[in-house]
Amino acid sequence: MDHTEKNPTYNIKNSATFKMATIAFLALVLLIPASLIESLINERLLRRNSVIDEINDKWGNIQTIAGPIITIPYQKYIKTDNGSQTLRSNF
């Protein structure tokens, strides 16, 4: 006589289907905290972006960075029919 016939619950607890169903149930139960953490991460990301936008609006907009500009004054002499003429300009 087989020991499985003595105890009818032995078949259910040791069956592969019961073990797979238990694992599937536990996986589904563990998805709840994972989704809560994911929603918290998304909420904090949205808050971060809104704070960055708010700080940018208060403290400054897009900035243009340019290098130093050197101006050199010079004189240009133009010869005309009635004499020479001087033009003063910056380079």
Protein backbone atom coordinates (compact mmCIF):
# COMPACT_ATOMS: atom_id res chain seq x y z
CA MET A 1 0.00 0.00 0.00
CA ASP A 2 1.29 3.44 -0.99
CA HIS A 3 1.58 6.15 1.69
CA THR A 4 -0.40 8.57 -0.52
CA GLU A 5 -3.53 6.52 -0.02
CA LYS A 6 -3.25 6.83 3.76
CA ASN A 7 -3.26 10.66 3.80
CA PRO A 8 -5.46 12.33 1.14
CA THR A 9 -4.00 15.83 1.77
CA TYR A 10 -0.55 14.58 0.88
CA ASN A 11 -1.43 14.67 -2.81
CA ILE A 12 -2.62 18.26 -2.72
CA LYS A 13 0.30 19.76 -0.77
CA ASN A 14 2.97 18.00 -2.78
CA SER A 15 1.45 18.39 -6.21
CA ALA A 16 3.25 20.58 -8.76
CA THR A 17 0.03 22.42 -9.61
CA PHE A 18 -0.47 23.51 -5.99
CA LYS A 19 3.14 24.71 -5.76
CA MET A 20 2.87 26.68 -9.03
CA ALA A 21 -0.43 28.23 -7.94
CA THR A 22 1.10 29.24 -4.61
CA ILE A 23 4.10 30.83 -6.33
CA ALA A 24 1.80 32.67 -8.77
CA PHE A 25 -0.34 33.95 -5.89
CA LEU A 26 2.72 35.19 -3.98
CA ALA A 27 4.05 36.89 -7.11
CA LEU A 28 0.74 38.70 -7.60
CA VAL A 29 0.65 39.74 -3.95
CA LEU A 30 4.20 41.13 -4.21
CA LEU A 31 3.24 43.22 -7.25
CA ILE A 32 1.13 45.47 -5.00
CA PRO A 33 4.05 47.00 -3.05
CA ALA A 34 6.10 47.18 -6.25
CA SER A 35 3.40 49.27 -7.94
CA LEU A 36 3.14 51.50 -4.86
CA ILE A 37 6.88 52.15 -4.94
CA GLU A 38 6.75 52.82 -8.68
CA SER A 39 3.95 55.37 -8.24
CA LEU A 40 5.96 57.05 -5.45
CA ILE A 41 9.00 57.27 -7.74
CA ASN A 42 6.88 58.81 -10.53
CA GLU A 43 5.33 61.31 -8.10
CA ARG A 44 8.74 62.42 -6.85
CA LEU A 45 10.04 62.72 -10.42
CA LEU A 46 7.12 64.99 -11.35
CA ARG A 47 7.71 67.04 -8.21
CA ARG A 48 11.41 67.35 -9.05
CA ASN A 49 10.63 68.61 -12.56
CA SER A 50 8.08 71.13 -11.27
CA VAL A 51 10.58 72.46 -8.69
CA ILE A 52 13.26 72.83 -11.36
CA ASP A 53 10.82 74.76 -13.58
CA GLU A 54 9.77 76.98 -10.66
CA ILE A 55 13.38 77.81 -9.77
CA ASN A 56 14.18 78.58 -13.40
CA ASP A 57 11.20 80.91 -13.64
CA LYS A 58 12.21 82.82 -10.49
CA TRP A 59 15.98 82.98 -10.92
CA GLY A 60 16.52 83.32 -14.61
CA ASN A 61 15.71 82.22 -18.08
CA ILE A 62 17.97 81.00 -20.83
CA GLN A 63 21.38 82.64 -20.64
CA THR A 64 23.66 83.49 -23.53
CA ILE A 65 27.33 83.11 -22.89
CA ALA A 66 29.65 85.04 -25.19
CA GLY A 67 33.36 85.53 -25.15
CA PRO A 68 35.09 88.87 -24.72
CA ILE A 69 34.84 91.27 -27.61
CA ILE A 70 37.84 93.42 -28.42
CA THR A 71 37.21 96.64 -30.33
CA ILE A 72 40.09 98.41 -31.96
CA PRO A 73 39.50 101.96 -33.09
CA TYR A 74 41.07 102.85 -36.41
CA GLN A 75 41.03 105.68 -38.92
CA LYS A 76 40.47 105.25 -42.57
CA TYR A 77 41.60 107.90 -45.04
CA ILE A 78 39.59 108.28 -48.20
CA LYS A 79 40.93 110.42 -51.03
CA THR A 80 38.28 112.51 -52.67
CA ASP A 81 38.44 115.08 -55.48
CA ASN A 82 38.54 118.07 -53.14
CA GLY A 83 40.91 116.60 -50.55
CA SER A 84 41.23 113.67 -48.23
CA GLN A 85 38.55 112.69 -45.78
CA THR A 86 39.02 110.79 -42.50
CA LEU A 87 36.52 108.23 -41.24
CA ARG A 88 36.78 106.97 -37.71
CA SER A 89 35.50 103.45 -37.03
CA ASN A 90 35.80 100.50 -34.70
CA PHE A 91 36.96 97.14 -35.91
